[in-house]
Amino acid sequence: MEIIPLLKKEFRDEYETTKKFLVSFPTDKNDYSPHPKSMKLMPLATHIVEIFGWPEFIMKNENQNFEPGEYQPLLLTSGSELLQKLEESYRKSSQTLDNMQEDELEGRWSMSVSGKVILDLSKYEAIRHALSQIIHHRAQLGVYYRLNDIPLPGSYGPSADQQNDY
């Protein structure tokens, strides 16, 4: 079984679902957070769209080392910027997946904080981890939407907001 076509399909499916969420992004709630320890809404959504670019980064690098004070998160301010970044990130990773060979998934990739390894994965596992992160954080986004009475699109079937549509 070839894995790359499966990864491409998963990324495409998660891209389509994520795009539905971002179409109704409430820019007037960029700073909303359900708890002081929770990310604010816009940084959470920005993080999701950035993760779509991880496969490209993973395949071009062997490590991501976060040093305190060095990482500068991307700052977006509108739903249209989120959609644009989603398109860009997805396109880059799609091209990466289109142009790679199965054996490249066997390489290693790690993530470190101040030189301490917190993840050490095969490139395949790292890409799957990215998909899991997209799903996890999009679910958080859905909770934020629900807490603000923003109708949810379906992810893997109709949402409670769409029940009467089917």
C-alpha atoms as a PDB file:
ATOM      1  CA  MET A   1       0.000   0.000   0.000  1.00  0.00           C
ATOM      2  CA  GLU A   2       1.259   3.451  -0.859  1.00  0.00           C
ATOM      3  CA  ILE A   3       1.016   5.979   1.964  1.00  0.00           C
ATOM      4  CA  ILE A   4       1.456   9.267   0.087  1.00  0.00           C
ATOM      5  CA  PRO A   5      -1.915   9.071  -1.717  1.00  0.00           C
ATOM      6  CA  LEU A   6      -3.592   8.413   1.641  1.00  0.00           C
ATOM      7  CA  LEU A   7      -1.869  11.405   3.242  1.00  0.00           C
ATOM      8  CA  LYS A   8      -2.843  13.603   0.290  1.00  0.00           C
ATOM      9  CA  LYS A   9      -6.489  12.580   0.657  1.00  0.00           C
ATOM     10  CA  GLU A  10      -6.466  13.199   4.413  1.00  0.00           C
ATOM     11  CA  PHE A  11      -4.926  16.650   3.954  1.00  0.00           C
ATOM     12  CA  ARG A  12      -7.426  17.510   1.224  1.00  0.00           C
ATOM     13  CA  ASP A  13     -10.355  16.372   3.382  1.00  0.00           C
ATOM     14  CA  GLU A  14      -9.139  18.311   6.439  1.00  0.00           C
ATOM     15  CA  TYR A  15      -8.430  21.358   4.251  1.00  0.00           C
ATOM     16  CA  GLU A  16     -12.028  21.320   2.937  1.00  0.00           C
ATOM     17  CA  THR A  17     -13.455  20.984   6.443  1.00  0.00           C
ATOM     18  CA  THR A  18     -11.201  23.685   7.872  1.00  0.00           C
ATOM     19  CA  LYS A  19     -12.110  26.038   5.038  1.00  0.00           C
ATOM     20  CA  LYS A  20     -15.806  25.680   5.987  1.00  0.00           C
ATOM     21  CA  PHE A  21     -14.961  26.763   9.535  1.00  0.00           C
ATOM     22  CA  LEU A  22     -12.919  29.757   8.430  1.00  0.00           C
ATOM     23  CA  VAL A  23     -15.569  31.092   6.051  1.00  0.00           C
ATOM     24  CA  SER A  24     -17.615  32.097   9.098  1.00  0.00           C
ATOM     25  CA  PHE A  25     -14.670  33.289  11.212  1.00  0.00           C
ATOM     26  CA  PRO A  26     -15.849  36.085  13.558  1.00  0.00           C
ATOM     27  CA  THR A  27     -13.157  38.752  13.210  1.00  0.00           C
ATOM     28  CA  ASP A  28     -14.925  40.831  15.857  1.00  0.00           C
ATOM     29  CA  LYS A  29     -13.951  38.098  18.352  1.00  0.00           C
ATOM     30  CA  ASN A  30     -10.202  37.851  17.570  1.00  0.00           C
ATOM     31  CA  ASP A  31      -9.284  38.250  21.234  1.00  0.00           C
ATOM     32  CA  TYR A  32     -11.949  35.903  22.621  1.00  0.00           C
ATOM     33  CA  SER A  33     -10.666  33.205  24.948  1.00  0.00           C
ATOM     34  CA  PRO A  34     -12.842  30.892  27.074  1.00  0.00           C
ATOM     35  CA  HIS A  35     -10.231  30.744  29.834  1.00  0.00           C
ATOM     36  CA  PRO A  36      -7.088  32.704  30.787  1.00  0.00           C
ATOM     37  CA  LYS A  37      -4.922  29.682  29.919  1.00  0.00           C
ATOM     38  CA  SER A  38      -6.604  29.187  26.523  1.00  0.00           C
ATOM     39  CA  MET A  39      -5.321  30.638  23.271  1.00  0.00           C
ATOM     40  CA  LYS A  40      -7.212  33.591  21.890  1.00  0.00           C
ATOM     41  CA  LEU A  41      -9.444  32.888  18.899  1.00  0.00           C
ATOM     42  CA  MET A  42      -7.316  34.487  16.154  1.00  0.00           C
ATOM     43  CA  PRO A  43      -4.004  32.940  17.279  1.00  0.00           C
ATOM     44  CA  LEU A  44      -5.758  29.550  17.478  1.00  0.00           C
ATOM     45  CA  ALA A  45      -7.126  29.860  13.937  1.00  0.00           C
ATOM     46  CA  THR A  46      -3.765  31.149  12.698  1.00  0.00           C
ATOM     47  CA  HIS A  47      -2.020  28.157  14.244  1.00  0.00           C
ATOM     48  CA  ILE A  48      -4.415  25.807  12.447  1.00  0.00           C
ATOM     49  CA  VAL A  49      -3.732  27.316   9.025  1.00  0.00           C
ATOM     50  CA  GLU A  50       0.015  27.315   9.661  1.00  0.00           C
ATOM     51  CA  ILE A  51      -0.057  23.590  10.460  1.00  0.00           C
ATOM     52  CA  PHE A  52      -1.232  22.940   6.904  1.00  0.00           C
ATOM     53  CA  GLY A  53       2.269  24.015   5.859  1.00  0.00           C
ATOM     54  CA  TRP A  54       4.063  21.604   8.167  1.00  0.00           C
ATOM     55  CA  PRO A  55       4.488  18.752   5.653  1.00  0.00           C
ATOM     56  CA  GLU A  56       6.599  21.034   3.465  1.00  0.00           C
ATOM     57  CA  PHE A  57       8.691  22.108   6.470  1.00  0.00           C
ATOM     58  CA  ILE A  58       9.025  18.553   7.782  1.00  0.00           C
ATOM     59  CA  MET A  59      10.248  17.229   4.446  1.00  0.00           C
ATOM     60  CA  LYS A  60      12.789  20.050   4.018  1.00  0.00           C
ATOM     61  CA  ASN A  61      14.149  19.932   7.579  1.00  0.00           C
ATOM     62  CA  GLU A  62      15.193  17.401  10.175  1.00  0.00           C
ATOM     63  CA  ASN A  63      14.466  19.482  13.282  1.00  0.00           C
ATOM     64  CA  GLN A  64      12.503  22.427  14.601  1.00  0.00           C
ATOM     65  CA  ASN A  65      14.158  23.928  17.665  1.00  0.00           C
ATOM     66  CA  PHE A  66      12.165  26.531  19.527  1.00  0.00           C
ATOM     67  CA  GLU A  67      14.319  28.881  21.548  1.00  0.00           C
ATOM     68  CA  PRO A  68      12.570  31.082  24.102  1.00  0.00           C
ATOM     69  CA  GLY A  69      11.998  34.522  22.636  1.00  0.00           C
ATOM     70  CA  GLU A  70      13.054  33.547  19.103  1.00  0.00           C
ATOM     71  CA  TYR A  71       9.835  32.139  17.682  1.00  0.00           C
ATOM     72  CA  GLN A  72       7.628  34.887  16.285  1.00  0.00           C
ATOM     73  CA  PRO A  73       4.107  33.663  15.559  1.00  0.00           C
ATOM     74  CA  LEU A  74       2.370  34.842  12.428  1.00  0.00           C
ATOM     75  CA  LEU A  75      -0.062  37.658  13.175  1.00  0.00           C
ATOM     76  CA  LEU A  76      -3.246  37.694  11.125  1.00  0.00           C
ATOM     77  CA  THR A  77      -6.215  39.965  11.725  1.00  0.00           C
ATOM     78  CA  SER A  78      -9.078  38.884   9.447  1.00  0.00           C
ATOM     79  CA  GLY A  79     -10.972  35.919   8.117  1.00  0.00           C
ATOM     80  CA  SER A  80      -9.771  36.704   4.600  1.00  0.00           C
ATOM     81  CA  GLU A  81      -6.146  36.593   5.775  1.00  0.00           C
ATOM     82  CA  LEU A  82      -6.824  33.230   7.418  1.00  0.00           C
ATOM     83  CA  LEU A  83      -8.310  31.844   4.192  1.00  0.00           C
ATOM     84  CA  GLN A  84      -5.384  33.194   2.169  1.00  0.00           C
ATOM     85  CA  LYS A  85      -2.830  31.630   4.534  1.00  0.00           C
ATOM     86  CA  LEU A  86      -4.781  28.354   4.511  1.00  0.00           C
ATOM     87  CA  GLU A  87      -4.633  28.286   0.691  1.00  0.00           C
ATOM     88  CA  GLU A  88      -0.916  29.085   0.662  1.00  0.00           C
ATOM     89  CA  SER A  89      -0.019  26.512   3.324  1.00  0.00           C
ATOM     90  CA  TYR A  90      -2.163  23.793   1.770  1.00  0.00           C
ATOM     91  CA  ARG A  91      -0.778  24.464  -1.719  1.00  0.00           C
ATOM     92  CA  LYS A  92       2.852  24.213  -0.533  1.00  0.00           C
ATOM     93  CA  SER A  93       2.261  20.974   1.329  1.00  0.00           C
ATOM     94  CA  SER A  94       0.235  19.508  -1.546  1.00  0.00           C
ATOM     95  CA  GLN A  95       3.102  20.237  -3.920  1.00  0.00           C
ATOM     96  CA  THR A  96       5.515  18.646  -1.460  1.00  0.00           C
ATOM     97  CA  LEU A  97       3.396  15.504  -1.203  1.00  0.00           C
ATOM     98  CA  ASP A  98       2.976  15.421  -5.009  1.00  0.00           C
ATOM     99  CA  ASN A  99       6.748  15.493  -5.543  1.00  0.00           C
ATOM    100  CA  MET A 100       8.022  13.070  -2.934  1.00  0.00           C
ATOM    101  CA  GLN A 101       8.777   9.371  -2.888  1.00  0.00           C
ATOM    102  CA  GLU A 102       7.510   6.833  -0.365  1.00  0.00           C
ATOM    103  CA  ASP A 103      10.998   6.135   1.025  1.00  0.00           C
ATOM    104  CA  GLU A 104      11.375   9.796   2.026  1.00  0.00           C
ATOM    105  CA  LEU A 105       8.748   9.181   4.724  1.00  0.00           C
ATOM    106  CA  GLU A 106      11.286   6.987   6.540  1.00  0.00           C
ATOM    107  CA  GLY A 107      13.567   9.938   7.380  1.00  0.00           C
ATOM    108  CA  ARG A 108      13.643  11.367  10.888  1.00  0.00           C
ATOM    109  CA  TRP A 109      12.249  14.635  12.180  1.00  0.00           C
ATOM    110  CA  SER A 110      12.348  16.087  15.671  1.00  0.00           C
ATOM    111  CA  MET A 111      11.034  19.056  17.586  1.00  0.00           C
ATOM    112  CA  SER A 112      13.046  20.613  20.396  1.00  0.00           C
ATOM    113  CA  VAL A 113      12.663  23.350  22.946  1.00  0.00           C
ATOM    114  CA  SER A 114      15.964  24.932  23.984  1.00  0.00           C
ATOM    115  CA  GLY A 115      17.764  21.882  22.585  1.00  0.00           C
ATOM    116  CA  LYS A 116      15.656  19.362  24.546  1.00  0.00           C
ATOM    117  CA  VAL A 117      13.925  16.940  22.182  1.00  0.00           C
ATOM    118  CA  ILE A 118      10.187  16.762  22.829  1.00  0.00           C
ATOM    119  CA  LEU A 119       9.262  14.829  19.656  1.00  0.00           C
ATOM    120  CA  ASP A 120      11.366  12.378  17.656  1.00  0.00           C
ATOM    121  CA  LEU A 121       9.381  10.879  14.804  1.00  0.00           C
ATOM    122  CA  SER A 122       9.715   9.426  11.345  1.00  0.00           C
ATOM    123  CA  LYS A 123       8.741  11.963   8.692  1.00  0.00           C
ATOM    124  CA  TYR A 124       5.568   9.933   8.145  1.00  0.00           C
ATOM    125  CA  GLU A 125       4.739  10.111  11.864  1.00  0.00           C
ATOM    126  CA  ALA A 126       5.475  13.846  11.897  1.00  0.00           C
ATOM    127  CA  ILE A 127       3.080  14.461   9.005  1.00  0.00           C
ATOM    128  CA  ARG A 128       0.404  12.337  10.695  1.00  0.00           C
ATOM    129  CA  HIS A 129       1.049  14.329  13.877  1.00  0.00           C
ATOM    130  CA  ALA A 130       0.373  17.512  11.884  1.00  0.00           C
ATOM    131  CA  LEU A 131      -2.959  16.092  10.730  1.00  0.00           C
ATOM    132  CA  SER A 132      -3.846  15.212  14.315  1.00  0.00           C
ATOM    133  CA  GLN A 133      -2.949  18.728  15.411  1.00  0.00           C
ATOM    134  CA  ILE A 134      -5.207  20.227  12.725  1.00  0.00           C
ATOM    135  CA  ILE A 135      -8.133  18.078  13.871  1.00  0.00           C
ATOM    136  CA  HIS A 136      -7.463  18.744  17.564  1.00  0.00           C
ATOM    137  CA  HIS A 137      -7.213  22.519  17.212  1.00  0.00           C
ATOM    138  CA  ARG A 138     -10.161  22.724  14.815  1.00  0.00           C
ATOM    139  CA  ALA A 139     -12.245  20.974  17.487  1.00  0.00           C
ATOM    140  CA  GLN A 140     -11.116  23.685  19.921  1.00  0.00           C
ATOM    141  CA  LEU A 141     -12.170  26.279  17.356  1.00  0.00           C
ATOM    142  CA  GLY A 142     -15.579  24.612  17.206  1.00  0.00           C
ATOM    143  CA  VAL A 143     -15.955  24.946  20.973  1.00  0.00           C
ATOM    144  CA  TYR A 144     -15.062  28.643  20.756  1.00  0.00           C
ATOM    145  CA  TYR A 145     -17.667  29.062  18.013  1.00  0.00           C
ATOM    146  CA  ARG A 146     -20.310  27.232  20.023  1.00  0.00           C
ATOM    147  CA  LEU A 147     -19.602  29.358  23.115  1.00  0.00           C
ATOM    148  CA  ASN A 148     -20.191  32.440  20.944  1.00  0.00           C
ATOM    149  CA  ASP A 149     -23.356  31.122  19.244  1.00  0.00           C
ATOM    150  CA  ILE A 150     -21.640  30.850  15.864  1.00  0.00           C
ATOM    151  CA  PRO A 151     -23.225  28.025  13.837  1.00  0.00           C
ATOM    152  CA  LEU A 152     -20.885  25.116  13.206  1.00  0.00           C
ATOM    153  CA  PRO A 153     -20.391  23.531   9.816  1.00  0.00           C
ATOM    154  CA  GLY A 154     -20.278  19.758   9.746  1.00  0.00           C
ATOM    155  CA  SER A 155     -16.889  18.129  10.057  1.00  0.00           C
ATOM    156  CA  TYR A 156     -17.551  14.456   9.328  1.00  0.00           C
ATOM    157  CA  GLY A 157     -21.280  14.724   8.828  1.00  0.00           C
ATOM    158  CA  PRO A 158     -23.892  17.320   9.700  1.00  0.00           C
ATOM    159  CA  SER A 159     -23.456  19.414  12.826  1.00  0.00           C
ATOM    160  CA  ALA A 160     -26.326  20.055  15.251  1.00  0.00           C
ATOM    161  CA  ASP A 161     -26.757  23.387  13.442  1.00  0.00           C
ATOM    162  CA  GLN A 162     -27.343  21.565  10.163  1.00  0.00           C
ATOM    163  CA  GLN A 163     -29.703  18.827  11.347  1.00  0.00           C
ATOM    164  CA  ASN A 164     -32.719  20.395   9.650  1.00  0.00           C
ATOM    165  CA  ASP A 165     -30.766  20.732   6.392  1.00  0.00           C
ATOM    166  CA  TYR A 166     -30.752  16.940   5.866  1.00  0.00           C
END
